[in-house]
Amino acid sequence: MEISVGKTTIDEFDVICKAIERPIIENVTFKDTRNKRKNKTEDFYGTTISGKVKNINGLYEPFTFSLKAIERRSDM
């Protein structure tokens, strides 16, 4: 499903991102690329929404994003 969004304020854009960007897998632990002796734990997101702001009026440009169904593996 592809969704198109018109111009938004910064607050509106933040609300959309918080509603759509949800972790697929929580608490993934991996080696820290900056410090090989340490591990990092973060959530894994399957989506990232980015937008471009026009400085003249502080609105994000219109953008689109796609939602795709996923199925979590039973062995995870």
PDB file of N, CA and C in Angstrom:
ATOM      1  N   MET A   1       0.848  -1.153   0.000  1.00  0.00           N
ATOM      2  CA  MET A   1       0.000   0.000   0.000  1.00  0.00           C
ATOM      3  C   MET A   1       0.901   1.226   0.000  1.00  0.00           C
ATOM      4  N   GLU A   2       0.689   2.142  -0.923  1.00  0.00           N
ATOM      5  CA  GLU A   2       1.458   3.379  -0.963  1.00  0.00           C
ATOM      6  C   GLU A   2       0.583   4.517  -0.447  1.00  0.00           C
ATOM      7  N   ILE A   3       1.156   5.321   0.418  1.00  0.00           N
ATOM      8  CA  ILE A   3       0.424   6.429   1.034  1.00  0.00           C
ATOM      9  C   ILE A   3       1.113   7.739   0.666  1.00  0.00           C
ATOM     10  N   SER A   4       0.332   8.698   0.202  1.00  0.00           N
ATOM     11  CA  SER A   4       0.852  10.020  -0.145  1.00  0.00           C
ATOM     12  C   SER A   4       0.400  11.019   0.903  1.00  0.00           C
ATOM     13  N   VAL A   5       1.325  11.869   1.321  1.00  0.00           N
ATOM     14  CA  VAL A   5       1.047  12.881   2.337  1.00  0.00           C
ATOM     15  C   VAL A   5       1.410  14.238   1.746  1.00  0.00           C
ATOM     16  N   GLY A   6       0.540  15.215   1.928  1.00  0.00           N
ATOM     17  CA  GLY A   6       0.809  16.567   1.434  1.00  0.00           C
ATOM     18  C   GLY A   6       1.777  17.309   2.353  1.00  0.00           C
ATOM     19  N   LYS A   7       1.864  18.594   2.199  1.00  0.00           N
ATOM     20  CA  LYS A   7       2.744  19.394   3.043  1.00  0.00           C
ATOM     21  C   LYS A   7       2.316  19.264   4.498  1.00  0.00           C
ATOM     22  N   THR A   8       3.288  19.146   5.388  1.00  0.00           N
ATOM     23  CA  THR A   8       3.008  18.999   6.816  1.00  0.00           C
ATOM     24  C   THR A   8       3.891  19.932   7.619  1.00  0.00           C
ATOM     25  N   THR A   9       3.422  20.265   8.800  1.00  0.00           N
ATOM     26  CA  THR A   9       4.276  21.008   9.735  1.00  0.00           C
ATOM     27  C   THR A   9       5.253  20.016  10.375  1.00  0.00           C
ATOM     28  N   ILE A  10       6.221  20.516  11.083  1.00  0.00           N
ATOM     29  CA  ILE A  10       7.180  19.649  11.770  1.00  0.00           C
ATOM     30  C   ILE A  10       6.460  18.768  12.783  1.00  0.00           C
ATOM     31  N   ASP A  11       5.513  19.332  13.521  1.00  0.00           N
ATOM     32  CA  ASP A  11       4.762  18.553  14.513  1.00  0.00           C
ATOM     33  C   ASP A  11       3.932  17.456  13.850  1.00  0.00           C
ATOM     34  N   GLU A  12       3.276  17.773  12.733  1.00  0.00           N
ATOM     35  CA  GLU A  12       2.490  16.775  12.013  1.00  0.00           C
ATOM     36  C   GLU A  12       3.379  15.651  11.477  1.00  0.00           C
ATOM     37  N   PHE A  13       4.544  16.014  10.947  1.00  0.00           N
ATOM     38  CA  PHE A  13       5.489  15.025  10.429  1.00  0.00           C
ATOM     39  C   PHE A  13       5.941  14.088  11.544  1.00  0.00           C
ATOM     40  N   ASP A  14       6.230  14.635  12.715  1.00  0.00           N
ATOM     41  CA  ASP A  14       6.641  13.817  13.868  1.00  0.00           C
ATOM     42  C   ASP A  14       5.545  12.831  14.277  1.00  0.00           C
ATOM     43  N   VAL A  15       4.284  13.267  14.257  1.00  0.00           N
ATOM     44  CA  VAL A  15       3.166  12.390  14.614  1.00  0.00           C
ATOM     45  C   VAL A  15       3.069  11.231  13.617  1.00  0.00           C
ATOM     46  N   ILE A  16       3.209  11.527  12.329  1.00  0.00           N
ATOM     47  CA  ILE A  16       3.158  10.478  11.297  1.00  0.00           C
ATOM     48  C   ILE A  16       4.291   9.479  11.504  1.00  0.00           C
ATOM     49  N   CYS A  17       5.503   9.975  11.728  1.00  0.00           N
ATOM     50  CA  CYS A  17       6.655   9.084  11.925  1.00  0.00           C
ATOM     51  C   CYS A  17       6.466   8.180  13.139  1.00  0.00           C
ATOM     52  N   LYS A  18       5.986   8.739  14.230  1.00  0.00           N
ATOM     53  CA  LYS A  18       5.782   7.931  15.447  1.00  0.00           C
ATOM     54  C   LYS A  18       4.711   6.870  15.235  1.00  0.00           C
ATOM     55  N   ALA A  19       3.709   7.159  14.414  1.00  0.00           N
ATOM     56  CA  ALA A  19       2.639   6.193  14.158  1.00  0.00           C
ATOM     57  C   ALA A  19       3.094   5.075  13.224  1.00  0.00           C
ATOM     58  N   ILE A  20       3.973   5.377  12.281  1.00  0.00           N
ATOM     59  CA  ILE A  20       4.372   4.409  11.255  1.00  0.00           C
ATOM     60  C   ILE A  20       5.653   3.663  11.625  1.00  0.00           C
ATOM     61  N   GLU A  21       6.629   4.355  12.162  1.00  0.00           N
ATOM     62  CA  GLU A  21       7.930   3.738  12.432  1.00  0.00           C
ATOM     63  C   GLU A  21       7.889   2.977  13.751  1.00  0.00           C
ATOM     64  N   ARG A  22       7.652   1.701  13.645  1.00  0.00           N
ATOM     65  CA  ARG A  22       7.596   0.820  14.817  1.00  0.00           C
ATOM     66  C   ARG A  22       8.656  -0.255  14.665  1.00  0.00           C
ATOM     67  N   PRO A  23       9.255  -0.675  15.768  1.00  0.00           N
ATOM     68  CA  PRO A  23      10.278  -1.726  15.652  1.00  0.00           C
ATOM     69  C   PRO A  23       9.676  -3.061  15.220  1.00  0.00           C
ATOM     70  N   ILE A  24      10.377  -3.744  14.315  1.00  0.00           N
ATOM     71  CA  ILE A  24       9.981  -5.079  13.898  1.00  0.00           C
ATOM     72  C   ILE A  24      10.513  -6.092  14.896  1.00  0.00           C
ATOM     73  N   ILE A  25      11.769  -5.895  15.303  1.00  0.00           N
ATOM     74  CA  ILE A  25      12.399  -6.765  16.294  1.00  0.00           C
ATOM     75  C   ILE A  25      12.978  -5.861  17.375  1.00  0.00           C
ATOM     76  N   GLU A  26      12.628  -6.118  18.608  1.00  0.00           N
ATOM     77  CA  GLU A  26      13.117  -5.294  19.710  1.00  0.00           C
ATOM     78  C   GLU A  26      14.342  -5.927  20.359  1.00  0.00           C
ATOM     79  N   ASN A  27      15.204  -5.082  20.867  1.00  0.00           N
ATOM     80  CA  ASN A  27      16.386  -5.495  21.636  1.00  0.00           C
ATOM     81  C   ASN A  27      17.330  -6.408  20.858  1.00  0.00           C
ATOM     82  N   VAL A  28      17.772  -5.962  19.680  1.00  0.00           N
ATOM     83  CA  VAL A  28      18.770  -6.687  18.902  1.00  0.00           C
ATOM     84  C   VAL A  28      20.144  -6.299  19.448  1.00  0.00           C
ATOM     85  N   THR A  29      20.951  -7.296  19.806  1.00  0.00           N
ATOM     86  CA  THR A  29      22.294  -7.034  20.336  1.00  0.00           C
ATOM     87  C   THR A  29      23.322  -7.388  19.268  1.00  0.00           C
ATOM     88  N   PHE A  30      24.286  -6.467  19.053  1.00  0.00           N
ATOM     89  CA  PHE A  30      25.304  -6.662  18.030  1.00  0.00           C
ATOM     90  C   PHE A  30      26.594  -5.975  18.472  1.00  0.00           C
ATOM     91  N   LYS A  31      27.708  -6.283  17.795  1.00  0.00           N
ATOM     92  CA  LYS A  31      28.997  -5.674  18.109  1.00  0.00           C
ATOM     93  C   LYS A  31      28.980  -4.203  17.716  1.00  0.00           C
ATOM     94  N   ASP A  32      29.487  -3.373  18.588  1.00  0.00           N
ATOM     95  CA  ASP A  32      29.606  -1.947  18.326  1.00  0.00           C
ATOM     96  C   ASP A  32      30.717  -1.734  17.304  1.00  0.00           C
ATOM     97  N   THR A  33      30.420  -1.092  16.183  1.00  0.00           N
ATOM     98  CA  THR A  33      31.430  -0.894  15.143  1.00  0.00           C
ATOM     99  C   THR A  33      32.510   0.091  15.561  1.00  0.00           C
ATOM    100  N   ARG A  34      32.234   0.955  16.507  1.00  0.00           N
ATOM    101  CA  ARG A  34      33.231   1.924  16.965  1.00  0.00           C
ATOM    102  C   ARG A  34      34.123   1.354  18.054  1.00  0.00           C
ATOM    103  N   ASN A  35      33.558   0.463  18.869  1.00  0.00           N
ATOM    104  CA  ASN A  35      34.317  -0.134  19.960  1.00  0.00           C
ATOM    105  C   ASN A  35      34.060  -1.639  19.922  1.00  0.00           C
ATOM    106  N   LYS A  36      34.966  -2.364  19.303  1.00  0.00           N
ATOM    107  CA  LYS A  36      34.777  -3.804  19.058  1.00  0.00           C
ATOM    108  C   LYS A  36      34.631  -4.624  20.344  1.00  0.00           C
ATOM    109  N   ARG A  37      35.057  -4.083  21.470  1.00  0.00           N
ATOM    110  CA  ARG A  37      34.958  -4.825  22.729  1.00  0.00           C
ATOM    111  C   ARG A  37      33.592  -4.688  23.393  1.00  0.00           C
ATOM    112  N   LYS A  38      32.739  -3.870  22.833  1.00  0.00           N
ATOM    113  CA  LYS A  38      31.425  -3.647  23.433  1.00  0.00           C
ATOM    114  C   LYS A  38      30.316  -4.089  22.491  1.00  0.00           C
ATOM    115  N   ASN A  39      29.187  -4.411  23.077  1.00  0.00           N
ATOM    116  CA  ASN A  39      27.977  -4.716  22.319  1.00  0.00           C
ATOM    117  C   ASN A  39      27.000  -3.566  22.446  1.00  0.00           C
ATOM    118  N   LYS A  40      26.144  -3.420  21.450  1.00  0.00           N
ATOM    119  CA  LYS A  40      25.071  -2.434  21.488  1.00  0.00           C
ATOM    120  C   LYS A  40      23.752  -3.191  21.388  1.00  0.00           C
ATOM    121  N   THR A  41      22.729  -2.654  22.003  1.00  0.00           N
ATOM    122  CA  THR A  41      21.387  -3.221  21.878  1.00  0.00           C
ATOM    123  C   THR A  41      20.451  -2.122  21.412  1.00  0.00           C
ATOM    124  N   GLU A  42      19.785  -2.385  20.302  1.00  0.00           N
ATOM    125  CA  GLU A  42      18.845  -1.426  19.732  1.00  0.00           C
ATOM    126  C   GLU A  42      17.657  -2.170  19.146  1.00  0.00           C
ATOM    127  N   ASP A  43      16.620  -1.425  18.821  1.00  0.00           N
ATOM    128  CA  ASP A  43      15.475  -1.990  18.129  1.00  0.00           C
ATOM    129  C   ASP A  43      15.752  -1.947  16.627  1.00  0.00           C
ATOM    130  N   PHE A  44      15.244  -2.924  15.890  1.00  0.00           N
ATOM    131  CA  PHE A  44      15.401  -2.980  14.445  1.00  0.00           C
ATOM    132  C   PHE A  44      14.106  -2.500  13.800  1.00  0.00           C
ATOM    133  N   TYR A  45      14.225  -1.467  12.978  1.00  0.00           N
ATOM    134  CA  TYR A  45      13.075  -0.889  12.287  1.00  0.00           C
ATOM    135  C   TYR A  45      13.109  -1.286  10.821  1.00  0.00           C
ATOM    136  N   GLY A  46      11.960  -1.625  10.278  1.00  0.00           N
ATOM    137  CA  GLY A  46      11.863  -1.965   8.865  1.00  0.00           C
ATOM    138  C   GLY A  46      11.513  -0.761   8.010  1.00  0.00           C
ATOM    139  N   THR A  47      11.204   0.365   8.638  1.00  0.00           N
ATOM    140  CA  THR A  47      10.844   1.569   7.891  1.00  0.00           C
ATOM    141  C   THR A  47      11.585   2.771   8.450  1.00  0.00           C
ATOM    142  N   THR A  48      11.853   3.681   7.576  1.00  0.00           N
ATOM    143  CA  THR A  48      12.368   4.976   7.975  1.00  0.00           C
ATOM    144  C   THR A  48      11.721   6.000   7.060  1.00  0.00           C
ATOM    145  N   ILE A  49      11.125   6.994   7.636  1.00  0.00           N
ATOM    146  CA  ILE A  49      10.497   8.049   6.843  1.00  0.00           C
ATOM    147  C   ILE A  49      11.373   9.290   6.964  1.00  0.00           C
ATOM    148  N   SER A  50      11.707   9.862   5.824  1.00  0.00           N
ATOM    149  CA  SER A  50      12.487  11.097   5.853  1.00  0.00           C
ATOM    150  C   SER A  50      11.786  12.119   4.972  1.00  0.00           C
ATOM    151  N   GLY A  51      11.981  13.367   5.291  1.00  0.00           N
ATOM    152  CA  GLY A  51      11.339  14.433   4.544  1.00  0.00           C
ATOM    153  C   GLY A  51      12.241  15.636   4.426  1.00  0.00           C
ATOM    154  N   LYS A  52      11.899  16.511   3.499  1.00  0.00           N
ATOM    155  CA  LYS A  52      12.679  17.713   3.261  1.00  0.00           C
ATOM    156  C   LYS A  52      11.866  18.924   3.706  1.00  0.00           C
ATOM    157  N   VAL A  53      12.469  19.778   4.536  1.00  0.00           N
ATOM    158  CA  VAL A  53      11.785  20.966   5.047  1.00  0.00           C
ATOM    159  C   VAL A  53      12.169  22.181   4.206  1.00  0.00           C
ATOM    160  N   LYS A  54      11.167  22.955   3.848  1.00  0.00           N
ATOM    161  CA  LYS A  54      11.426  24.241   3.203  1.00  0.00           C
ATOM    162  C   LYS A  54      11.594  25.282   4.302  1.00  0.00           C
ATOM    163  N   ASN A  55      12.724  25.919   4.342  1.00  0.00           N
ATOM    164  CA  ASN A  55      13.009  26.888   5.407  1.00  0.00           C
ATOM    165  C   ASN A  55      12.147  28.137   5.318  1.00  0.00           C
ATOM    166  N   ILE A  56      11.608  28.421   4.147  1.00  0.00           N
ATOM    167  CA  ILE A  56      10.829  29.648   3.977  1.00  0.00           C
ATOM    168  C   ILE A  56       9.590  29.634   4.870  1.00  0.00           C
ATOM    169  N   ASN A  57       8.844  28.514   4.853  1.00  0.00           N
ATOM    170  CA  ASN A  57       7.612  28.470   5.642  1.00  0.00           C
ATOM    171  C   ASN A  57       7.612  27.358   6.688  1.00  0.00           C
ATOM    172  N   GLY A  58       8.704  26.611   6.815  1.00  0.00           N
ATOM    173  CA  GLY A  58       8.821  25.585   7.843  1.00  0.00           C
ATOM    174  C   GLY A  58       7.955  24.368   7.636  1.00  0.00           C
ATOM    175  N   LEU A  59       7.539  24.099   6.401  1.00  0.00           N
ATOM    176  CA  LEU A  59       6.707  22.938   6.110  1.00  0.00           C
ATOM    177  C   LEU A  59       7.532  21.859   5.408  1.00  0.00           C
ATOM    178  N   TYR A  60       7.209  20.611   5.704  1.00  0.00           N
ATOM    179  CA  TYR A  60       7.812  19.512   4.962  1.00  0.00           C
ATOM    180  C   TYR A  60       7.156  19.443   3.591  1.00  0.00           C
ATOM    181  N   GLU A  61       7.945  19.093   2.599  1.00  0.00           N
ATOM    182  CA  GLU A  61       7.433  18.878   1.255  1.00  0.00           C
ATOM    183  C   GLU A  61       6.541  17.627   1.248  1.00  0.00           C
ATOM    184  N   PRO A  62       5.608  17.516   0.296  1.00  0.00           N
ATOM    185  CA  PRO A  62       4.813  16.291   0.192  1.00  0.00           C
ATOM    186  C   PRO A  62       5.719  15.072   0.019  1.00  0.00           C
ATOM    187  N   PHE A  63       5.300  13.909   0.545  1.00  0.00           N
ATOM    188  CA  PHE A  63       6.100  12.700   0.430  1.00  0.00           C
ATOM    189  C   PHE A  63       5.184  11.487   0.372  1.00  0.00           C
ATOM    190  N   THR A  64       5.734  10.361  -0.038  1.00  0.00           N
ATOM    191  CA  THR A  64       4.989   9.107  -0.067  1.00  0.00           C
ATOM    192  C   THR A  64       5.797   8.049   0.664  1.00  0.00           C
ATOM    193  N   PHE A  65       5.108   7.040   1.151  1.00  0.00           N
ATOM    194  CA  PHE A  65       5.787   5.884   1.732  1.00  0.00           C
ATOM    195  C   PHE A  65       4.917   4.666   1.492  1.00  0.00           C
ATOM    196  N   SER A  66       5.553   3.505   1.544  1.00  0.00           N
ATOM    197  CA  SER A  66       4.855   2.247   1.300  1.00  0.00           C
ATOM    198  C   SER A  66       4.807   1.422   2.565  1.00  0.00           C
ATOM    199  N   LEU A  67       3.689   0.770   2.782  1.00  0.00           N
ATOM    200  CA  LEU A  67       3.548  -0.176   3.882  1.00  0.00           C
ATOM    201  C   LEU A  67       3.475  -1.570   3.272  1.00  0.00           C
ATOM    202  N   LYS A  68       4.308  -2.468   3.776  1.00  0.00           N
ATOM    203  CA  LYS A  68       4.325  -3.836   3.277  1.00  0.00           C
ATOM    204  C   LYS A  68       4.163  -4.782   4.443  1.00  0.00           C
ATOM    205  N   ALA A  69       3.368  -5.800   4.229  1.00  0.00           N
ATOM    206  CA  ALA A  69       3.137  -6.799   5.284  1.00  0.00           C
ATOM    207  C   ALA A  69       4.398  -7.635   5.478  1.00  0.00           C
ATOM    208  N   ILE A  70       4.681  -7.950   6.720  1.00  0.00           N
ATOM    209  CA  ILE A  70       5.789  -8.852   7.035  1.00  0.00           C
ATOM    210  C   ILE A  70       5.265  -9.937   7.953  1.00  0.00           C
ATOM    211  N   GLU A  71       5.982 -11.010   7.996  1.00  0.00           N
ATOM    212  CA  GLU A  71       5.615 -12.093   8.907  1.00  0.00           C
ATOM    213  C   GLU A  71       6.851 -12.415   9.729  1.00  0.00           C
ATOM    214  N   ARG A  72       6.689 -12.388  11.031  1.00  0.00           N
ATOM    215  CA  ARG A  72       7.805 -12.690  11.923  1.00  0.00           C
ATOM    216  C   ARG A  72       8.056 -14.198  11.909  1.00  0.00           C
ATOM    217  N   ARG A  73       9.320 -14.552  11.780  1.00  0.00           N
ATOM    218  CA  ARG A  73       9.684 -15.972  11.796  1.00  0.00           C
ATOM    219  C   ARG A  73       9.450 -16.556  13.178  1.00  0.00           C
ATOM    220  N   SER A  74       9.046 -17.810  13.209  1.00  0.00           N
ATOM    221  CA  SER A  74       8.741 -18.449  14.480  1.00  0.00           C
ATOM    222  C   SER A  74       9.994 -18.768  15.294  1.00  0.00           C
ATOM    223  N   ASP A  75      11.168 -18.797  14.649  1.00  0.00           N
ATOM    224  CA  ASP A  75      12.397 -19.127  15.363  1.00  0.00           C
ATOM    225  C   ASP A  75      13.112 -17.907  15.927  1.00  0.00           C
ATOM    226  N   MET A  76      12.470 -16.750  15.908  1.00  0.00           N
ATOM    227  CA  MET A  76      13.111 -15.526  16.405  1.00  0.00           C
ATOM    228  C   MET A  76      12.565 -15.171  17.768  1.00  0.00           C
TER     229      MET A  76
END
